[in-house]
């Protein structure tokens, strides 16, 4: 089994055939047994134990939400939906939430949710956010309507179909023997000692390997040879797919782009291992929620043969 990152491992069957059946969707939306995950201002509802707080159909109907729900999929035959309740002015009062039940930022919630739940959060947040941002047709400017359970928006004027977007990002740890290349993005608070793997969006008409080499050349002036895929991670802020790779350096002299990076440097394996163990006051690396952590840890453990 490959590594399952935070925001992956979604257990729901996305049930494409069901979402194409408007009659089935209509029945599922009013079925008393269906589950609804509310998001308010893109924060997710958690119960008093910090778990996802699913509501039943009667709870949602009582709120008189104007926006249609997004069909996430089925689990054990039960339809699950996400619904944007941002129109509720005072959610704790109007939704009669029990003590301890609260809306929490999705990134913070993921720190204590189990991995499958974070996958559901990623799908819910990304799709709700996409619907909030794409209410008008990019072809003719007319208003669009949600269709196919939220998997499509359709223009009422020109009938163009618009699908949720996912933006691919290459994130890469470049290695040179017993050292690796880490950087600080421009704009990060100075003096934190936080370094991470380099990363950047993949351009149209560009392969993953080409994006790795281009981004490293642009940000650090380093030429990269062999590139190997490691793993991927959905990142729903707002809707990216982090494609993690390791690459072998073909040059070693650093020339940073100051518009993109505050610093880029080589770090030896022992220094990085101590940072991973939180035993290095001069170097901090991302925590386990981020794919960068696992790219760094795999190399530090000697699992990367480049």
Protein backbone atom coordinates (compact mmCIF):
# COMPACT_ATOMS: atom_id res chain seq x y z
CA UNK A 1 0.00 0.00 0.00
CA UNK A 2 1.25 3.46 -0.87
CA UNK A 3 1.40 6.24 1.70
CA UNK A 4 -2.00 7.84 2.34
CA UNK A 5 -1.56 11.51 3.19
CA UNK A 6 -3.81 13.83 5.14
CA UNK A 7 -6.74 14.94 2.92
CA UNK A 8 -6.64 11.61 1.03
CA UNK A 9 -8.17 8.22 1.87
CA UNK A 10 -11.79 9.31 1.29
CA UNK A 11 -13.96 6.22 2.04
CA UNK A 12 -17.03 7.39 0.11
CA UNK A 13 -18.08 5.76 -3.15
CA UNK A 14 -18.51 8.82 -5.38
CA UNK A 15 -21.26 6.93 -7.25
CA UNK A 16 -21.01 8.59 -10.64
CA UNK A 17 -23.95 6.61 -12.05
CA UNK A 18 -26.19 7.78 -9.19
CA UNK A 19 -25.21 11.44 -9.56
CA UNK A 20 -26.29 11.27 -13.21
CA UNK A 21 -29.80 10.20 -12.18
CA UNK A 22 -31.78 13.32 -11.17
CA UNK A 23 -34.67 11.27 -9.79
CA UNK A 24 -32.36 9.25 -7.55
CA UNK A 25 -30.67 12.44 -6.34
CA UNK A 26 -34.03 14.07 -5.58
CA UNK A 27 -35.08 11.08 -3.48
CA UNK A 28 -31.71 10.94 -1.72
CA UNK A 29 -31.87 14.63 -0.76
CA UNK A 30 -35.15 14.14 1.14
CA UNK A 31 -34.41 10.67 2.50
CA UNK A 32 -34.48 10.95 6.34
CA UNK A 33 -31.48 8.62 6.52
CA UNK A 34 -29.19 10.74 4.34
CA UNK A 35 -26.25 12.48 5.98
CA UNK A 36 -25.30 16.14 5.54
CA UNK A 37 -21.94 17.72 6.41
CA UNK A 38 -22.42 21.49 6.90
CA UNK A 39 -19.72 24.01 6.06
CA UNK A 40 -20.02 27.59 7.26
CA UNK A 41 -17.63 30.07 5.64
CA UNK A 42 -15.65 26.99 4.53
CA UNK A 43 -15.23 25.75 8.11
CA UNK A 44 -16.46 22.23 8.84
CA UNK A 45 -18.86 21.14 11.59
CA UNK A 46 -17.30 18.98 14.31
CA UNK A 47 -18.89 17.30 17.31
CA UNK A 48 -17.73 17.60 20.91
CA UNK A 49 -15.16 14.83 20.35
CA UNK A 50 -13.63 16.59 17.35
CA UNK A 51 -15.18 14.24 14.77
CA UNK A 52 -17.19 15.16 11.69
CA UNK A 53 -20.70 16.12 12.78
CA UNK A 54 -23.13 14.76 10.19
CA UNK A 55 -26.70 16.08 10.30
CA UNK A 56 -29.87 14.33 9.11
CA UNK A 57 -32.26 15.58 6.44
CA UNK A 58 -34.83 17.07 8.88
CA UNK A 59 -32.11 19.21 10.49
CA UNK A 60 -31.17 20.66 7.10
CA UNK A 61 -34.75 21.14 5.91
CA UNK A 62 -35.52 23.21 9.01
CA UNK A 63 -32.75 25.68 8.06
CA UNK A 64 -34.35 26.55 4.70
CA UNK A 65 -30.99 26.76 2.90
CA UNK A 66 -31.33 28.22 -0.61
CA UNK A 67 -28.23 26.54 -2.08
CA UNK A 68 -28.51 22.93 -3.27
CA UNK A 69 -26.31 20.37 -1.49
CA UNK A 70 -23.30 18.73 -3.12
CA UNK A 71 -23.53 14.95 -3.41
CA UNK A 72 -20.29 13.49 -2.05
CA UNK A 73 -21.06 9.80 -2.47
CA UNK A 74 -22.38 6.80 -0.56
CA UNK A 75 -21.10 4.79 2.38
CA UNK A 76 -22.83 1.52 3.25
CA UNK A 77 -25.62 2.55 0.87
CA UNK A 78 -26.28 5.85 2.69
CA UNK A 79 -26.08 9.05 0.60
CA UNK A 80 -23.73 11.70 1.99
CA UNK A 81 -23.89 15.38 1.06
CA UNK A 82 -21.99 18.56 1.85
CA UNK A 83 -23.99 21.75 2.20
CA UNK A 84 -22.97 25.40 2.42
CA UNK A 85 -24.76 26.98 5.39
CA UNK A 86 -22.89 30.29 5.19
CA UNK A 87 -26.23 32.06 4.73
CA UNK A 88 -27.09 31.25 8.35
CA UNK A 89 -26.19 34.42 10.25
CA UNK A 90 -25.77 32.80 13.69
CA UNK A 91 -25.15 29.09 13.11
CA UNK A 92 -24.81 28.13 16.77
CA UNK A 93 -28.19 29.67 17.62
CA UNK A 94 -30.15 28.95 14.44
CA UNK A 95 -28.83 25.38 14.15
CA UNK A 96 -29.33 24.69 17.88
CA UNK A 97 -25.87 23.16 18.16
CA UNK A 98 -25.10 21.10 21.27
CA UNK A 99 -22.37 22.14 23.65
CA UNK A 100 -18.95 21.45 22.17
CA UNK A 101 -20.25 21.24 18.59
CA UNK A 102 -18.54 23.91 16.52
CA UNK A 103 -17.39 24.97 13.07
CA UNK A 104 -13.62 24.70 12.73
CA UNK A 105 -11.12 25.72 10.05
CA UNK A 106 -10.54 22.67 7.83
CA UNK A 107 -6.76 22.80 8.11
CA UNK A 108 -6.93 22.91 11.90
CA UNK A 109 -9.62 20.21 11.99
CA UNK A 110 -7.42 17.89 9.92
CA UNK A 111 -4.80 17.90 12.66
CA UNK A 112 -6.98 15.71 14.87
CA UNK A 113 -9.36 13.97 12.44
CA UNK A 114 -8.67 10.43 11.25
CA UNK A 115 -7.27 10.22 7.71
CA UNK A 116 -10.47 9.01 5.96
CA UNK A 117 -12.38 11.94 7.48
CA UNK A 118 -9.78 14.39 6.18
CA UNK A 119 -10.40 12.97 2.70
CA UNK A 120 -14.10 13.79 3.06
CA UNK A 121 -13.19 17.28 4.28
CA UNK A 122 -10.97 17.82 1.23
CA UNK A 123 -13.74 16.84 -1.17
CA UNK A 124 -16.36 18.90 0.67
CA UNK A 125 -14.33 22.07 1.06
CA UNK A 126 -12.99 22.02 -2.49
CA UNK A 127 -16.38 21.51 -4.09
CA UNK A 128 -18.25 24.00 -1.89
CA UNK A 129 -15.54 26.60 -2.56
CA UNK A 130 -15.67 25.93 -6.31
CA UNK A 131 -19.44 26.49 -6.39
CA UNK A 132 -19.03 29.75 -4.47
CA UNK A 133 -16.47 30.99 -7.01
CA UNK A 134 -18.12 29.85 -10.27
CA UNK A 135 -21.69 31.09 -10.30
CA UNK A 136 -21.35 32.69 -13.72
CA UNK A 137 -20.42 31.22 -17.09
CA UNK A 138 -16.87 31.92 -18.26
CA UNK A 139 -18.10 31.68 -21.88
CA UNK A 140 -21.04 34.11 -21.95
CA UNK A 141 -21.27 35.55 -18.43
CA UNK A 142 -24.78 34.24 -17.68
CA UNK A 143 -25.64 32.63 -14.35
CA UNK A 144 -24.88 28.92 -14.02
CA UNK A 145 -26.82 26.26 -12.15
CA UNK A 146 -25.58 23.25 -10.23
CA UNK A 147 -26.15 19.92 -11.96
CA UNK A 148 -25.28 16.25 -11.56
CA UNK A 149 -25.23 16.45 -7.78
CA UNK A 150 -22.76 19.32 -7.79
CA UNK A 151 -20.21 17.75 -10.15
CA UNK A 152 -21.12 20.18 -12.95
CA UNK A 153 -22.34 23.74 -13.33
CA UNK A 154 -24.42 24.33 -16.45
CA UNK A 155 -25.01 27.68 -18.11
CA UNK A 156 -28.68 28.54 -18.50
CA UNK A 157 -27.98 30.64 -21.61
CA UNK A 158 -25.33 28.97 -23.78
CA UNK A 159 -25.58 25.53 -22.10
CA UNK A 160 -21.83 25.32 -21.57
CA UNK A 161 -20.78 22.81 -18.91
CA UNK A 162 -18.20 23.72 -16.28
CA UNK A 163 -16.44 21.14 -14.14
CA UNK A 164 -14.64 21.50 -10.79
CA UNK A 165 -10.99 22.30 -11.31
CA UNK A 166 -7.98 20.76 -9.65
CA UNK A 167 -4.66 22.59 -9.99
CA UNK A 168 -1.60 20.28 -10.16
CA UNK A 169 1.45 21.34 -8.17
CA UNK A 170 4.88 19.74 -8.40
CA UNK A 171 6.63 19.56 -5.02
CA UNK A 172 10.12 18.13 -5.03
CA UNK A 173 13.03 17.30 -2.79
CA UNK A 174 16.24 17.59 -4.78
CA UNK A 175 19.18 15.57 -3.49
CA UNK A 176 22.92 15.61 -4.03
CA UNK A 177 24.38 12.56 -2.34
CA UNK A 178 24.19 13.08 1.42
CA UNK A 179 22.46 16.47 1.29
CA UNK A 180 19.14 17.86 0.12
CA UNK A 181 17.89 21.22 -1.16
CA UNK A 182 15.39 23.14 0.99
CA UNK A 183 14.02 26.64 0.63
CA UNK A 184 12.14 29.47 2.34
CA UNK A 185 9.45 31.18 0.26
CA UNK A 186 9.57 34.95 0.00
CA UNK A 187 7.11 36.57 2.37
CA UNK A 188 7.44 34.00 5.14
CA UNK A 189 8.17 35.51 8.56
CA UNK A 190 11.92 35.93 9.00
CA UNK A 191 13.80 34.11 11.73
CA UNK A 192 11.51 31.07 11.99
CA UNK A 193 14.09 28.63 10.62
CA UNK A 194 11.34 26.93 8.61
CA UNK A 195 12.51 25.36 5.34
CA UNK A 196 10.60 23.08 3.00
CA UNK A 197 10.76 21.32 -0.34
CA UNK A 198 10.52 23.54 -3.41
CA UNK A 199 7.18 23.60 -5.22
CA UNK A 200 5.28 25.24 -8.05
CA UNK A 201 2.25 24.91 -10.28
CA UNK A 202 2.54 22.71 -13.36
CA UNK A 203 2.06 24.71 -16.55
CA UNK A 204 -0.28 23.73 -19.37
CA UNK A 205 1.45 21.44 -21.85
CA UNK A 206 4.10 20.46 -19.29
CA UNK A 207 4.89 17.05 -17.83
CA UNK A 208 5.52 16.49 -14.14
CA UNK A 209 9.22 15.91 -14.77
CA UNK A 210 9.50 19.07 -16.84
CA UNK A 211 7.75 21.08 -14.12
CA UNK A 212 10.14 19.76 -11.46
CA UNK A 213 13.18 20.74 -13.50
CA UNK A 214 11.79 24.14 -14.47
CA UNK A 215 10.69 25.14 -10.98
CA UNK A 216 14.01 24.17 -9.40
CA UNK A 217 15.95 25.98 -12.11
CA UNK A 218 13.79 29.10 -11.71
CA UNK A 219 13.76 29.20 -7.91
CA UNK A 220 17.26 27.94 -7.11
CA UNK A 221 19.32 27.97 -10.32
CA UNK A 222 19.93 24.21 -9.92
CA UNK A 223 19.82 21.81 -12.87
CA UNK A 224 17.96 18.56 -12.14
CA UNK A 225 18.59 15.20 -13.76
CA UNK A 226 16.58 12.09 -12.87
CA UNK A 227 13.12 12.65 -11.37
CA UNK A 228 11.15 10.00 -9.49
CA UNK A 229 7.55 10.10 -8.33
CA UNK A 230 6.95 9.51 -4.60
CA UNK A 231 3.27 10.15 -3.77
CA UNK A 232 0.47 12.72 -4.12
CA UNK A 233 -1.74 14.71 -1.76
CA UNK A 234 -5.00 16.59 -2.31
CA UNK A 235 -4.66 20.08 -0.81
CA UNK A 236 -8.08 21.78 -0.62
CA UNK A 237 -6.89 25.39 -0.20
CA UNK A 238 -8.61 25.93 -2.51
CA UNK A 239 -8.17 22.86 -4.73
CA UNK A 240 -4.67 21.64 -5.57
CA UNK A 241 -3.12 18.23 -6.10
CA UNK A 242 0.41 18.09 -4.72
CA UNK A 243 2.51 15.71 -6.81
CA UNK A 244 5.53 14.75 -4.73
CA UNK A 245 8.84 13.83 -6.37
CA UNK A 246 12.52 13.34 -5.62
CA UNK A 247 15.11 14.56 -8.08
CA UNK A 248 18.87 14.23 -8.47
CA UNK A 249 20.84 17.45 -8.75
CA UNK A 250 22.97 17.81 -11.89
CA UNK A 251 24.53 21.06 -10.62
CA UNK A 252 25.09 22.41 -7.11
CA UNK A 253 25.65 26.19 -7.27
CA UNK A 254 22.57 28.03 -5.96
CA UNK A 255 21.24 31.18 -7.60
CA UNK A 256 17.87 32.09 -6.07
CA UNK A 257 15.04 34.12 -7.52
CA UNK A 258 14.52 36.77 -4.81
CA UNK A 259 10.97 37.39 -6.01
CA UNK A 260 10.05 33.79 -5.18
CA UNK A 261 12.46 32.71 -2.47
CA UNK A 262 13.93 34.25 0.66
CA UNK A 263 16.60 31.55 0.87
CA UNK A 264 17.58 28.20 -0.62
CA UNK A 265 20.33 26.05 0.86
CA UNK A 266 21.82 22.55 0.98
CA UNK A 267 21.37 20.63 4.25
CA UNK A 268 23.19 17.44 5.20
CA UNK A 269 21.33 14.31 6.27
CA UNK A 270 22.21 14.50 9.96
CA UNK A 271 21.01 18.12 10.18
CA UNK A 272 17.71 17.17 8.55
CA UNK A 273 17.25 14.11 10.75
CA UNK A 274 17.60 16.29 13.85
CA UNK A 275 15.06 18.73 12.41
CA UNK A 276 12.60 15.88 11.85
CA UNK A 277 13.10 14.89 15.49
CA UNK A 278 12.49 18.52 16.61
CA UNK A 279 16.06 18.55 17.92
CA UNK A 280 17.54 21.29 15.75
CA UNK A 281 17.03 24.92 16.87
CA UNK A 282 18.40 26.22 13.56
CA UNK A 283 16.19 24.23 11.17
CA UNK A 284 12.47 23.45 11.18
CA UNK A 285 10.67 21.39 8.54
CA UNK A 286 6.93 20.95 7.85
CA UNK A 287 4.90 18.66 10.07
CA UNK A 288 3.42 15.30 9.13
CA UNK A 289 0.25 16.83 7.67
CA UNK A 290 2.25 18.12 4.67
CA UNK A 291 3.58 15.97 1.84
CA UNK A 292 6.88 17.88 2.09
CA UNK A 293 7.45 16.24 5.48
CA UNK A 294 7.20 12.77 3.94
CA UNK A 295 9.44 13.61 1.00
CA UNK A 296 12.08 14.82 3.46
CA UNK A 297 11.59 11.91 5.86
CA UNK A 298 11.87 9.29 3.09
CA UNK A 299 15.21 10.73 1.97
CA UNK A 300 16.52 11.14 5.54
CA UNK A 301 15.67 7.48 6.22
CA UNK A 302 17.67 6.35 3.22
CA UNK A 303 14.62 5.22 1.23
CA UNK A 304 15.46 7.34 -1.83
CA UNK A 305 17.99 5.84 -4.25
CA UNK A 306 19.15 8.70 -6.45
